[in-house]
Structures are given as C-alpha cells and as structure tokens.
Amino acid sequence: MNRKWIKENPDFFKKNKIDGLIVLKGNSDIKEEFTKYAVMFKKSAHLITEYIFEKEDIDKLDTYLFSLAYLYRHSLELLLKAIGFKYIWDLENRKDFIKETFHNLSSLLKAVHPHIVDNVIRNYGAFQWLQAYFEDMNGIDKESDSFRYPFGITMKKDPFDNQKNFGIKSFFEKQTHINLFAFANKLICV
C-alpha cells in the first residue's frame, strides 16, 4: 500500500515548541474537578437536548439518544465521585473507592450513602427513587459503556486451540420507542 504524507520523511518524534499552543490547567482538589466536569457534562447534554427539540427532526432524535444518555449519565457518575472524594481523603482509600465502584452508578450511590445519610433521612423517598433508578439502569449500563457504544464486544475462547473469537452484540435487539422528552426531563431532575 502506497501512502503519502504532507511532507517527505516526517519526524514523528520531533516536538513542536510553539509557546502557548496548548495550556492545561488543573486543580489539585479532585472533588472540585469532578464537580466542574459533572456540571459541564450536564450543560452539554442540555444544550444538545434543546437543539434537537427545536428542530423536531426524527433522524436527529434517533441519532442523539446515545450521546445524550452518555452525557447525562456521566455527569451523575462524576457528581457521585465528587461526593465520595469530599469525604474520602486517604489516597489508598480513594483508590479503593474507584476500584470498587468503577463506573457503576448504583455502587457509587451505595458507597457515598454513609457520608450523606443526614440528607438521605430528610429526603428518603427521593433517595429510594434514585436507588431504584440506578439499579434499573444497571441492567443495561452497569459499566458505562452501553451509551458510549451502541453495541457490545463479545469474546469467546475456542476450547481446543485457545483462540479468541470476537463478535458484536447490538444494544437494541428490536425497534425500541423512547420518549426523549421524558428521558431528558428525568435526567435533568436527577
């Protein structure tokens, strides 16, 4: 296969030394960073939701579902992690918190529950609803990959030659009707 590059003999290891090309700023307080990112993910989802509702174009409604679900869902995940990091200060305990909960909203809520118990008591009905909602979501998106990719990767090992065979499993097996307005409103309220 013959490939052409923009210039002959490119040096892929040469570093571009243009000052100010990219400036990364971070905050040493990770709970604040998680909170900021959670807010921005939710704002992004809200902007897309407003855009597609203005257009009322069915092909846009269909194609934006997964990205909207991912943005709203990830904002919830980051917010729960921010709550966890607000109360978990020890580095090893923070590592354990992330390992044990990973991307699972239900596990994250259970892990932060002891730290927010006073708020839970005042709003017990809302907390129960959230628990049930996250448990229900676990059936389709336990590890936060269903909304990122509208398919799953499957792997089977051949018992005779130990070779791995990969396949693709669709997220939706049949036509599914989703009320995007109700879906977005529910996630905005969470």
N, C-alpha and C. Protein backbone atom coordinates (compact mmCIF):
# COMPACT_ATOMS: atom_id res chain seq x y z
N MET A 1 0.84 -1.17 0.00
CA MET A 1 0.00 0.00 0.00
C MET A 1 0.89 1.24 0.00
N ASN A 2 0.65 2.14 -0.90
CA ASN A 2 1.45 3.35 -1.03
C ASN A 2 0.79 4.49 -0.28
N ARG A 3 1.50 5.11 0.68
CA ARG A 3 0.95 6.20 1.47
C ARG A 3 1.76 7.46 1.24
N LYS A 4 1.06 8.58 1.22
CA LYS A 4 1.74 9.87 1.07
C LYS A 4 1.51 10.70 2.32
N TRP A 5 2.56 11.39 2.75
CA TRP A 5 2.46 12.27 3.91
C TRP A 5 2.51 13.70 3.43
N ILE A 6 2.14 14.61 4.30
CA ILE A 6 2.14 16.03 3.95
C ILE A 6 3.53 16.48 3.55
N LYS A 7 4.53 15.99 4.23
CA LYS A 7 5.91 16.29 3.84
C LYS A 7 6.70 14.99 3.85
N GLU A 8 7.77 14.97 3.09
CA GLU A 8 8.58 13.75 2.99
C GLU A 8 9.31 13.49 4.29
N ASN A 9 9.47 12.23 4.62
CA ASN A 9 10.22 11.79 5.79
C ASN A 9 9.81 12.52 7.08
N PRO A 10 8.57 12.39 7.48
CA PRO A 10 8.16 13.09 8.70
C PRO A 10 8.87 12.53 9.93
N ASP A 11 9.19 13.43 10.86
CA ASP A 11 9.82 13.03 12.11
C ASP A 11 8.74 13.02 13.19
N PHE A 12 8.24 11.84 13.49
CA PHE A 12 7.14 11.72 14.44
C PHE A 12 7.56 11.98 15.88
N PHE A 13 8.83 11.99 16.14
CA PHE A 13 9.31 12.18 17.50
C PHE A 13 9.77 13.62 17.76
N LYS A 14 9.72 14.44 16.75
CA LYS A 14 10.10 15.84 16.91
C LYS A 14 9.01 16.55 17.69
N LYS A 15 9.39 17.31 18.67
CA LYS A 15 8.42 18.03 19.49
C LYS A 15 8.27 19.44 18.98
N ASN A 16 7.05 19.84 18.83
CA ASN A 16 6.75 21.19 18.39
C ASN A 16 6.86 22.12 19.60
N LYS A 17 7.66 23.15 19.50
CA LYS A 17 7.92 24.03 20.64
C LYS A 17 7.24 25.39 20.46
N ILE A 18 5.97 25.37 20.06
CA ILE A 18 5.25 26.63 19.93
C ILE A 18 4.66 26.97 21.30
N ASP A 19 5.09 28.10 21.85
CA ASP A 19 4.61 28.51 23.17
C ASP A 19 3.12 28.82 23.12
N GLY A 20 2.44 28.36 24.13
CA GLY A 20 1.03 28.68 24.26
C GLY A 20 0.10 27.91 23.35
N LEU A 21 0.61 26.90 22.67
CA LEU A 21 -0.24 26.13 21.77
C LEU A 21 -1.34 25.43 22.57
N ILE A 22 -0.95 24.74 23.60
CA ILE A 22 -1.91 24.07 24.48
C ILE A 22 -1.50 24.36 25.91
N VAL A 23 -2.44 24.84 26.68
CA VAL A 23 -2.18 25.10 28.09
C VAL A 23 -3.19 24.30 28.89
N LEU A 24 -2.68 23.40 29.71
CA LEU A 24 -3.54 22.60 30.57
C LEU A 24 -3.44 23.11 31.98
N LYS A 25 -4.60 23.34 32.57
CA LYS A 25 -4.62 23.78 33.96
C LYS A 25 -5.45 22.79 34.74
N GLY A 26 -4.97 22.45 35.89
CA GLY A 26 -5.70 21.52 36.73
C GLY A 26 -5.79 22.05 38.14
N ASN A 27 -6.66 21.44 38.87
CA ASN A 27 -6.86 21.81 40.25
C ASN A 27 -6.40 20.62 41.09
N SER A 28 -5.70 20.88 42.16
CA SER A 28 -5.22 19.77 42.98
C SER A 28 -6.36 19.15 43.79
N ASP A 29 -7.50 19.83 43.85
CA ASP A 29 -8.66 19.29 44.57
C ASP A 29 -9.53 18.53 43.58
N ILE A 30 -9.39 17.21 43.58
CA ILE A 30 -10.06 16.39 42.57
C ILE A 30 -11.58 16.43 42.72
N LYS A 31 -12.09 16.61 43.92
CA LYS A 31 -13.54 16.68 44.07
C LYS A 31 -14.10 17.92 43.37
N GLU A 32 -13.35 19.01 43.40
CA GLU A 32 -13.78 20.22 42.67
C GLU A 32 -13.73 19.98 41.16
N GLU A 33 -12.71 19.29 40.71
CA GLU A 33 -12.59 18.98 39.27
C GLU A 33 -13.74 18.07 38.83
N PHE A 34 -14.03 17.04 39.62
CA PHE A 34 -15.14 16.14 39.29
C PHE A 34 -16.45 16.94 39.23
N THR A 35 -16.65 17.83 40.17
CA THR A 35 -17.88 18.63 40.20
C THR A 35 -17.97 19.53 38.96
N LYS A 36 -16.88 20.19 38.62
CA LYS A 36 -16.88 21.06 37.42
C LYS A 36 -17.18 20.24 36.17
N TYR A 37 -16.54 19.11 36.04
CA TYR A 37 -16.78 18.26 34.87
C TYR A 37 -18.22 17.76 34.84
N ALA A 38 -18.76 17.40 36.00
CA ALA A 38 -20.15 16.92 36.08
C ALA A 38 -21.10 18.01 35.58
N VAL A 39 -20.88 19.22 36.02
CA VAL A 39 -21.72 20.35 35.60
C VAL A 39 -21.60 20.57 34.08
N MET A 40 -20.40 20.49 33.56
CA MET A 40 -20.20 20.72 32.12
C MET A 40 -20.79 19.60 31.27
N PHE A 41 -20.71 18.35 31.73
CA PHE A 41 -21.34 17.25 31.00
C PHE A 41 -22.85 17.46 30.95
N LYS A 42 -23.43 17.87 32.08
CA LYS A 42 -24.88 18.09 32.14
C LYS A 42 -25.28 19.27 31.27
N LYS A 43 -24.50 20.35 31.29
CA LYS A 43 -24.79 21.51 30.43
C LYS A 43 -24.71 21.13 28.95
N SER A 44 -23.73 20.33 28.60
CA SER A 44 -23.58 19.88 27.21
C SER A 44 -24.79 19.08 26.78
N ALA A 45 -25.23 18.17 27.63
CA ALA A 45 -26.41 17.35 27.32
C ALA A 45 -27.64 18.24 27.17
N HIS A 46 -27.76 19.22 28.04
CA HIS A 46 -28.92 20.12 27.99
C HIS A 46 -28.92 20.93 26.69
N LEU A 47 -27.75 21.41 26.28
CA LEU A 47 -27.67 22.17 25.02
C LEU A 47 -28.08 21.32 23.82
N ILE A 48 -27.62 20.09 23.79
CA ILE A 48 -27.99 19.19 22.69
C ILE A 48 -29.49 18.90 22.73
N THR A 49 -30.02 18.68 23.94
CA THR A 49 -31.45 18.41 24.09
C THR A 49 -32.27 19.59 23.56
N GLU A 50 -31.91 20.80 23.94
CA GLU A 50 -32.64 21.98 23.44
C GLU A 50 -32.55 22.06 21.92
N TYR A 51 -31.39 21.80 21.37
CA TYR A 51 -31.20 21.86 19.92
C TYR A 51 -32.10 20.86 19.19
N ILE A 52 -32.12 19.63 19.64
CA ILE A 52 -32.91 18.65 18.89
C ILE A 52 -34.41 18.85 19.09
N PHE A 53 -34.82 19.41 20.23
CA PHE A 53 -36.25 19.68 20.41
C PHE A 53 -36.70 20.87 19.57
N GLU A 54 -35.80 21.80 19.31
CA GLU A 54 -36.14 22.93 18.44
C GLU A 54 -36.35 22.45 17.00
N LYS A 55 -35.57 21.49 16.57
CA LYS A 55 -35.62 21.02 15.18
C LYS A 55 -36.76 20.04 14.94
N GLU A 56 -37.10 19.26 15.95
CA GLU A 56 -38.13 18.22 15.84
C GLU A 56 -37.93 17.36 14.60
N ASP A 57 -36.70 17.01 14.35
CA ASP A 57 -36.34 16.21 13.19
C ASP A 57 -36.07 14.78 13.67
N ILE A 58 -36.88 13.84 13.25
CA ILE A 58 -36.84 12.48 13.78
C ILE A 58 -35.46 11.82 13.61
N ASP A 59 -34.77 12.11 12.50
CA ASP A 59 -33.46 11.47 12.34
C ASP A 59 -32.46 12.00 13.36
N LYS A 60 -32.59 13.25 13.79
CA LYS A 60 -31.71 13.78 14.83
C LYS A 60 -32.09 13.19 16.19
N LEU A 61 -33.39 13.06 16.43
CA LEU A 61 -33.83 12.47 17.69
C LEU A 61 -33.26 11.06 17.84
N ASP A 62 -33.27 10.30 16.76
CA ASP A 62 -32.75 8.94 16.80
C ASP A 62 -31.24 8.90 17.01
N THR A 63 -30.51 9.77 16.34
CA THR A 63 -29.05 9.68 16.39
C THR A 63 -28.44 10.29 17.64
N TYR A 64 -29.15 11.16 18.33
CA TYR A 64 -28.59 11.81 19.51
C TYR A 64 -28.88 11.06 20.81
N LEU A 65 -29.70 10.04 20.77
CA LEU A 65 -30.08 9.36 22.01
C LEU A 65 -28.87 8.87 22.80
N PHE A 66 -27.95 8.16 22.16
CA PHE A 66 -26.83 7.58 22.88
C PHE A 66 -25.90 8.65 23.45
N SER A 67 -25.63 9.68 22.68
CA SER A 67 -24.74 10.73 23.21
C SER A 67 -25.40 11.47 24.36
N LEU A 68 -26.69 11.74 24.28
CA LEU A 68 -27.38 12.39 25.39
C LEU A 68 -27.36 11.53 26.64
N ALA A 69 -27.68 10.27 26.47
CA ALA A 69 -27.68 9.35 27.61
C ALA A 69 -26.30 9.30 28.25
N TYR A 70 -25.27 9.22 27.43
CA TYR A 70 -23.91 9.17 27.97
C TYR A 70 -23.57 10.46 28.73
N LEU A 71 -23.87 11.62 28.15
CA LEU A 71 -23.53 12.88 28.80
C LEU A 71 -24.25 13.04 30.14
N TYR A 72 -25.56 12.79 30.14
CA TYR A 72 -26.31 12.90 31.40
C TYR A 72 -25.81 11.89 32.43
N ARG A 73 -25.62 10.65 31.98
CA ARG A 73 -25.20 9.59 32.89
C ARG A 73 -23.81 9.86 33.46
N HIS A 74 -22.90 10.35 32.62
CA HIS A 74 -21.55 10.61 33.08
C HIS A 74 -21.52 11.79 34.07
N SER A 75 -22.41 12.75 33.88
CA SER A 75 -22.47 13.85 34.85
C SER A 75 -22.86 13.31 36.23
N LEU A 76 -23.78 12.35 36.26
CA LEU A 76 -24.17 11.74 37.53
C LEU A 76 -23.01 10.98 38.16
N GLU A 77 -22.30 10.23 37.34
CA GLU A 77 -21.15 9.47 37.83
C GLU A 77 -20.09 10.39 38.45
N LEU A 78 -19.77 11.46 37.76
CA LEU A 78 -18.75 12.38 38.26
C LEU A 78 -19.20 13.09 39.53
N LEU A 79 -20.48 13.41 39.61
CA LEU A 79 -21.00 14.05 40.81
C LEU A 79 -20.93 13.11 42.01
N LEU A 80 -21.26 11.85 41.81
CA LEU A 80 -21.15 10.87 42.90
C LEU A 80 -19.70 10.67 43.31
N LYS A 81 -18.79 10.68 42.35
CA LYS A 81 -17.36 10.56 42.68
C LYS A 81 -16.88 11.80 43.43
N ALA A 82 -17.38 12.97 43.08
CA ALA A 82 -17.02 14.19 43.79
C ALA A 82 -17.48 14.11 45.24
N ILE A 83 -18.69 13.59 45.46
CA ILE A 83 -19.19 13.42 46.83
C ILE A 83 -18.28 12.44 47.58
N GLY A 84 -17.92 11.34 46.94
CA GLY A 84 -17.02 10.37 47.58
C GLY A 84 -15.70 11.00 47.96
N PHE A 85 -15.11 11.77 47.05
CA PHE A 85 -13.81 12.38 47.32
C PHE A 85 -13.89 13.52 48.33
N LYS A 86 -15.08 14.05 48.53
CA LYS A 86 -15.25 15.08 49.56
C LYS A 86 -15.02 14.48 50.96
N TYR A 87 -15.41 13.22 51.12
CA TYR A 87 -15.32 12.57 52.43
C TYR A 87 -14.18 11.57 52.55
N ILE A 88 -13.66 11.10 51.44
CA ILE A 88 -12.57 10.13 51.46
C ILE A 88 -11.28 10.87 51.12
N TRP A 89 -10.41 11.03 52.11
CA TRP A 89 -9.19 11.83 51.92
C TRP A 89 -7.94 10.99 51.69
N ASP A 90 -7.87 9.85 52.32
CA ASP A 90 -6.69 9.00 52.24
C ASP A 90 -6.53 8.47 50.81
N LEU A 91 -5.31 8.57 50.26
CA LEU A 91 -5.05 8.16 48.88
C LEU A 91 -5.40 6.70 48.63
N GLU A 92 -5.02 5.81 49.53
CA GLU A 92 -5.32 4.38 49.34
C GLU A 92 -6.82 4.12 49.38
N ASN A 93 -7.52 4.81 50.29
CA ASN A 93 -8.98 4.66 50.35
C ASN A 93 -9.65 5.21 49.09
N ARG A 94 -9.10 6.28 48.54
CA ARG A 94 -9.63 6.81 47.29
C ARG A 94 -9.44 5.82 46.14
N LYS A 95 -8.26 5.19 46.10
CA LYS A 95 -8.01 4.18 45.07
C LYS A 95 -9.00 3.03 45.20
N ASP A 96 -9.22 2.59 46.44
CA ASP A 96 -10.18 1.50 46.68
C ASP A 96 -11.58 1.91 46.27
N PHE A 97 -11.96 3.14 46.60
CA PHE A 97 -13.28 3.67 46.23
C PHE A 97 -13.49 3.59 44.72
N ILE A 98 -12.49 4.01 43.95
CA ILE A 98 -12.60 3.98 42.49
C ILE A 98 -12.62 2.54 41.99
N LYS A 99 -11.74 1.69 42.52
CA LYS A 99 -11.70 0.28 42.09
C LYS A 99 -13.01 -0.44 42.37
N GLU A 100 -13.59 -0.19 43.54
CA GLU A 100 -14.80 -0.90 43.95
C GLU A 100 -16.05 -0.41 43.24
N THR A 101 -16.07 0.85 42.87
CA THR A 101 -17.28 1.41 42.25
C THR A 101 -17.16 1.53 40.74
N PHE A 102 -15.95 1.75 40.27
CA PHE A 102 -15.64 1.91 38.85
C PHE A 102 -16.60 2.91 38.21
N HIS A 103 -17.45 2.50 37.27
CA HIS A 103 -18.40 3.40 36.62
C HIS A 103 -19.84 3.11 37.04
N ASN A 104 -20.03 2.24 38.00
CA ASN A 104 -21.35 1.75 38.36
C ASN A 104 -22.08 2.76 39.26
N LEU A 105 -23.14 3.37 38.74
CA LEU A 105 -23.88 4.39 39.49
C LEU A 105 -24.47 3.83 40.78
N SER A 106 -25.00 2.63 40.72
CA SER A 106 -25.59 2.01 41.90
C SER A 106 -24.54 1.78 42.99
N SER A 107 -23.39 1.27 42.59
CA SER A 107 -22.29 1.06 43.56
C SER A 107 -21.78 2.38 44.12
N LEU A 108 -21.69 3.39 43.27
CA LEU A 108 -21.25 4.71 43.73
C LEU A 108 -22.22 5.27 44.77
N LEU A 109 -23.52 5.15 44.50
CA LEU A 109 -24.51 5.66 45.44
C LEU A 109 -24.42 4.92 46.78
N LYS A 110 -24.25 3.61 46.73
CA LYS A 110 -24.10 2.83 47.97
C LYS A 110 -22.84 3.25 48.74
N ALA A 111 -21.78 3.54 48.00
CA ALA A 111 -20.51 3.92 48.65
C ALA A 111 -20.59 5.29 49.31
N VAL A 112 -21.32 6.22 48.72
CA VAL A 112 -21.41 7.57 49.31
C VAL A 112 -22.54 7.68 50.33
N HIS A 113 -23.42 6.71 50.36
CA HIS A 113 -24.57 6.74 51.28
C HIS A 113 -24.18 7.04 52.73
N PRO A 114 -23.17 6.39 53.30
CA PRO A 114 -22.82 6.69 54.70
C PRO A 114 -22.42 8.15 54.92
N HIS A 115 -21.94 8.81 53.90
CA HIS A 115 -21.48 10.19 54.03
C HIS A 115 -22.62 11.20 53.88
N ILE A 116 -23.71 10.76 53.28
CA ILE A 116 -24.83 11.68 53.04
C ILE A 116 -26.08 11.25 53.79
N VAL A 117 -25.93 10.41 54.80
CA VAL A 117 -27.06 9.81 55.50
C VAL A 117 -28.02 10.87 56.05
N ASP A 118 -27.51 12.00 56.53
CA ASP A 118 -28.39 13.05 57.06
C ASP A 118 -29.32 13.59 55.98
N ASN A 119 -28.78 13.81 54.79
CA ASN A 119 -29.60 14.27 53.66
C ASN A 119 -30.58 13.18 53.22
N VAL A 120 -30.14 11.94 53.30
CA VAL A 120 -31.00 10.82 52.89
C VAL A 120 -32.21 10.73 53.81
N ILE A 121 -31.99 10.91 55.11
CA ILE A 121 -33.10 10.83 56.07
C ILE A 121 -34.15 11.89 55.76
N ARG A 122 -33.71 13.10 55.44
CA ARG A 122 -34.65 14.19 55.12
C ARG A 122 -35.38 13.94 53.81
N ASN A 123 -34.73 13.28 52.85
CA ASN A 123 -35.31 13.05 51.52
C ASN A 123 -35.32 11.56 51.19
N TYR A 124 -35.82 10.76 52.11
CA TYR A 124 -35.73 9.31 51.95
C TYR A 124 -36.46 8.80 50.71
N GLY A 125 -37.61 9.37 50.41
CA GLY A 125 -38.35 8.95 49.21
C GLY A 125 -37.56 9.21 47.94
N ALA A 126 -36.93 10.36 47.87
CA ALA A 126 -36.12 10.70 46.69
C ALA A 126 -34.91 9.78 46.59
N PHE A 127 -34.31 9.46 47.73
CA PHE A 127 -33.16 8.57 47.73
C PHE A 127 -33.55 7.17 47.27
N GLN A 128 -34.70 6.68 47.74
CA GLN A 128 -35.17 5.36 47.33
C GLN A 128 -35.44 5.33 45.82
N TRP A 129 -36.04 6.41 45.32
CA TRP A 129 -36.29 6.50 43.87
C TRP A 129 -34.97 6.44 43.10
N LEU A 130 -33.97 7.18 43.57
CA LEU A 130 -32.66 7.20 42.91
C LEU A 130 -32.00 5.83 42.96
N GLN A 131 -32.08 5.16 44.10
CA GLN A 131 -31.54 3.80 44.21
C GLN A 131 -32.18 2.87 43.18
N ALA A 132 -33.49 2.92 43.10
CA ALA A 132 -34.22 2.05 42.17
C ALA A 132 -33.88 2.41 40.72
N TYR A 133 -33.74 3.69 40.45
CA TYR A 133 -33.41 4.16 39.10
C TYR A 133 -32.03 3.65 38.68
N PHE A 134 -31.05 3.77 39.56
CA PHE A 134 -29.69 3.31 39.25
C PHE A 134 -29.63 1.78 39.14
N GLU A 135 -30.37 1.09 39.99
CA GLU A 135 -30.43 -0.38 39.89
C GLU A 135 -31.02 -0.80 38.56
N ASP A 136 -32.08 -0.11 38.15
CA ASP A 136 -32.72 -0.40 36.87
C ASP A 136 -31.75 -0.13 35.71
N MET A 137 -31.00 0.95 35.83
CA MET A 137 -30.03 1.30 34.79
C MET A 137 -28.91 0.26 34.70
N ASN A 138 -28.60 -0.39 35.82
CA ASN A 138 -27.55 -1.41 35.83
C ASN A 138 -27.83 -2.54 34.84
N GLY A 139 -29.10 -2.80 34.61
CA GLY A 139 -29.45 -3.87 33.68
C GLY A 139 -28.96 -3.63 32.27
N ILE A 140 -28.82 -2.36 31.89
CA ILE A 140 -28.37 -2.04 30.53
C ILE A 140 -27.05 -1.30 30.48
N ASP A 141 -26.62 -0.71 31.59
CA ASP A 141 -25.41 0.12 31.53
C ASP A 141 -24.62 0.06 32.83
N LYS A 142 -24.28 -1.12 33.25
CA LYS A 142 -23.59 -1.31 34.53
C LYS A 142 -22.20 -0.66 34.55
N GLU A 143 -21.48 -0.71 33.45
CA GLU A 143 -20.09 -0.22 33.42
C GLU A 143 -19.91 1.02 32.55
N SER A 144 -20.99 1.72 32.26
CA SER A 144 -20.94 2.98 31.50
C SER A 144 -20.41 2.81 30.08
N ASP A 145 -20.69 1.70 29.46
CA ASP A 145 -20.23 1.57 28.08
C ASP A 145 -21.39 1.47 27.09
N SER A 146 -22.58 1.15 27.56
CA SER A 146 -23.71 0.97 26.65
C SER A 146 -24.07 2.24 25.90
N PHE A 147 -23.99 3.38 26.55
CA PHE A 147 -24.38 4.63 25.89
C PHE A 147 -23.23 5.24 25.09
N ARG A 148 -22.01 4.82 25.40
CA ARG A 148 -20.88 5.29 24.60
C ARG A 148 -20.83 4.57 23.27
N TYR A 149 -21.14 3.29 23.30
CA TYR A 149 -21.07 2.46 22.10
C TYR A 149 -22.41 1.75 21.95
N PRO A 150 -23.12 1.90 20.84
CA PRO A 150 -24.44 1.26 20.69
C PRO A 150 -24.33 -0.24 20.39
N PHE A 151 -23.24 -0.84 20.81
CA PHE A 151 -23.03 -2.26 20.61
C PHE A 151 -22.06 -2.74 21.68
N GLY A 152 -22.00 -4.03 21.87
CA GLY A 152 -21.06 -4.60 22.82
C GLY A 152 -20.10 -5.53 22.10
N ILE A 153 -18.91 -5.63 22.62
CA ILE A 153 -17.92 -6.55 22.06
C ILE A 153 -18.01 -7.85 22.86
N THR A 154 -18.18 -8.94 22.15
CA THR A 154 -18.21 -10.25 22.82
C THR A 154 -16.92 -10.99 22.49
N MET A 155 -16.53 -11.88 23.39
CA MET A 155 -15.32 -12.67 23.16
C MET A 155 -15.57 -14.09 23.65
N LYS A 156 -15.28 -15.03 22.80
CA LYS A 156 -15.38 -16.45 23.16
C LYS A 156 -14.05 -17.11 22.85
N LYS A 157 -13.61 -17.98 23.77
CA LYS A 157 -12.38 -18.72 23.55
C LYS A 157 -12.72 -20.10 23.01
N ASP A 158 -12.01 -20.47 21.98
CA ASP A 158 -12.16 -21.81 21.44
C ASP A 158 -11.45 -22.76 22.39
N PRO A 159 -12.16 -23.76 22.96
CA PRO A 159 -11.53 -24.64 23.97
C PRO A 159 -10.43 -25.53 23.41
N PHE A 160 -10.40 -25.72 22.09
CA PHE A 160 -9.41 -26.62 21.52
C PHE A 160 -8.11 -25.94 21.15
N ASP A 161 -8.18 -24.72 20.63
CA ASP A 161 -6.93 -24.07 20.23
C ASP A 161 -6.67 -22.76 21.00
N ASN A 162 -7.51 -22.48 22.01
CA ASN A 162 -7.35 -21.30 22.87
C ASN A 162 -7.39 -19.98 22.09
N GLN A 163 -7.92 -19.99 20.89
CA GLN A 163 -8.01 -18.79 20.08
C GLN A 163 -9.24 -17.98 20.50
N LYS A 164 -9.10 -16.66 20.51
CA LYS A 164 -10.20 -15.77 20.89
C LYS A 164 -10.99 -15.38 19.63
N ASN A 165 -12.30 -15.50 19.72
CA ASN A 165 -13.18 -15.08 18.64
C ASN A 165 -14.02 -13.91 19.13
N PHE A 166 -13.93 -12.79 18.42
CA PHE A 166 -14.65 -11.59 18.82
C PHE A 166 -15.89 -11.40 17.95
N GLY A 167 -16.89 -10.81 18.55
CA GLY A 167 -18.13 -10.53 17.83
C GLY A 167 -18.75 -9.24 18.34
N ILE A 168 -19.85 -8.85 17.74
CA ILE A 168 -20.54 -7.63 18.12
C ILE A 168 -21.97 -7.97 18.49
N LYS A 169 -22.42 -7.44 19.62
CA LYS A 169 -23.79 -7.63 20.06
C LYS A 169 -24.47 -6.26 20.07
N SER A 170 -25.60 -6.15 19.39
CA SER A 170 -26.33 -4.88 19.32
C SER A 170 -26.90 -4.52 20.70
N PHE A 171 -26.97 -3.22 20.94
CA PHE A 171 -27.54 -2.74 22.19
C PHE A 171 -29.05 -2.98 22.19
N PHE A 172 -29.71 -2.61 21.10
CA PHE A 172 -31.14 -2.86 20.95
C PHE A 172 -31.30 -4.01 19.98
N GLU A 173 -31.99 -5.05 20.40
CA GLU A 173 -32.23 -6.21 19.54
C GLU A 173 -33.44 -6.00 18.63
N LYS A 174 -34.33 -5.09 19.04
CA LYS A 174 -35.54 -4.82 18.24
C LYS A 174 -35.82 -3.32 18.31
N GLN A 175 -36.73 -2.87 17.48
CA GLN A 175 -37.07 -1.46 17.47
C GLN A 175 -37.61 -1.07 18.84
N THR A 176 -37.10 0.00 19.39
CA THR A 176 -37.48 0.45 20.72
C THR A 176 -37.87 1.92 20.63
N HIS A 177 -39.03 2.24 21.16
CA HIS A 177 -39.51 3.62 21.16
C HIS A 177 -39.22 4.24 22.51
N ILE A 178 -38.55 5.38 22.48
CA ILE A 178 -38.17 6.06 23.70
C ILE A 178 -38.71 7.48 23.64
N ASN A 179 -39.35 7.90 24.71
CA ASN A 179 -39.83 9.27 24.81
C ASN A 179 -38.63 10.12 25.25
N LEU A 180 -38.00 10.76 24.29
CA LEU A 180 -36.78 11.52 24.57
C LEU A 180 -37.05 12.69 25.51
N PHE A 181 -38.22 13.28 25.38
CA PHE A 181 -38.58 14.40 26.26
C PHE A 181 -38.64 13.93 27.72
N ALA A 182 -39.34 12.82 27.97
CA ALA A 182 -39.44 12.28 29.34
C ALA A 182 -38.07 11.82 29.83
N PHE A 183 -37.29 11.20 28.94
CA PHE A 183 -35.95 10.72 29.28
C PHE A 183 -35.06 11.89 29.74
N ALA A 184 -35.03 12.96 28.95
CA ALA A 184 -34.20 14.12 29.28
C ALA A 184 -34.69 14.79 30.56
N ASN A 185 -35.99 14.94 30.70
CA ASN A 185 -36.53 15.58 31.92
C ASN A 185 -36.18 14.79 33.18
N LYS A 186 -36.24 13.47 33.09
CA LYS A 186 -35.91 12.63 34.24
C LYS A 186 -34.44 12.82 34.62
N LEU A 187 -33.56 12.86 33.62
CA LEU A 187 -32.13 13.01 33.92
C LEU A 187 -31.78 14.42 34.35
N ILE A 188 -32.52 15.41 33.91
CA ILE A 188 -32.29 16.78 34.39
C ILE A 188 -32.66 16.87 35.86
N CYS A 189 -33.73 16.19 36.25
CA CYS A 189 -34.19 16.23 37.66
C CYS A 189 -33.26 15.52 38.61
N VAL A 190 -32.57 14.48 38.11
CA VAL A 190 -31.67 13.73 38.98
C VAL A 190 -30.54 14.65 39.36
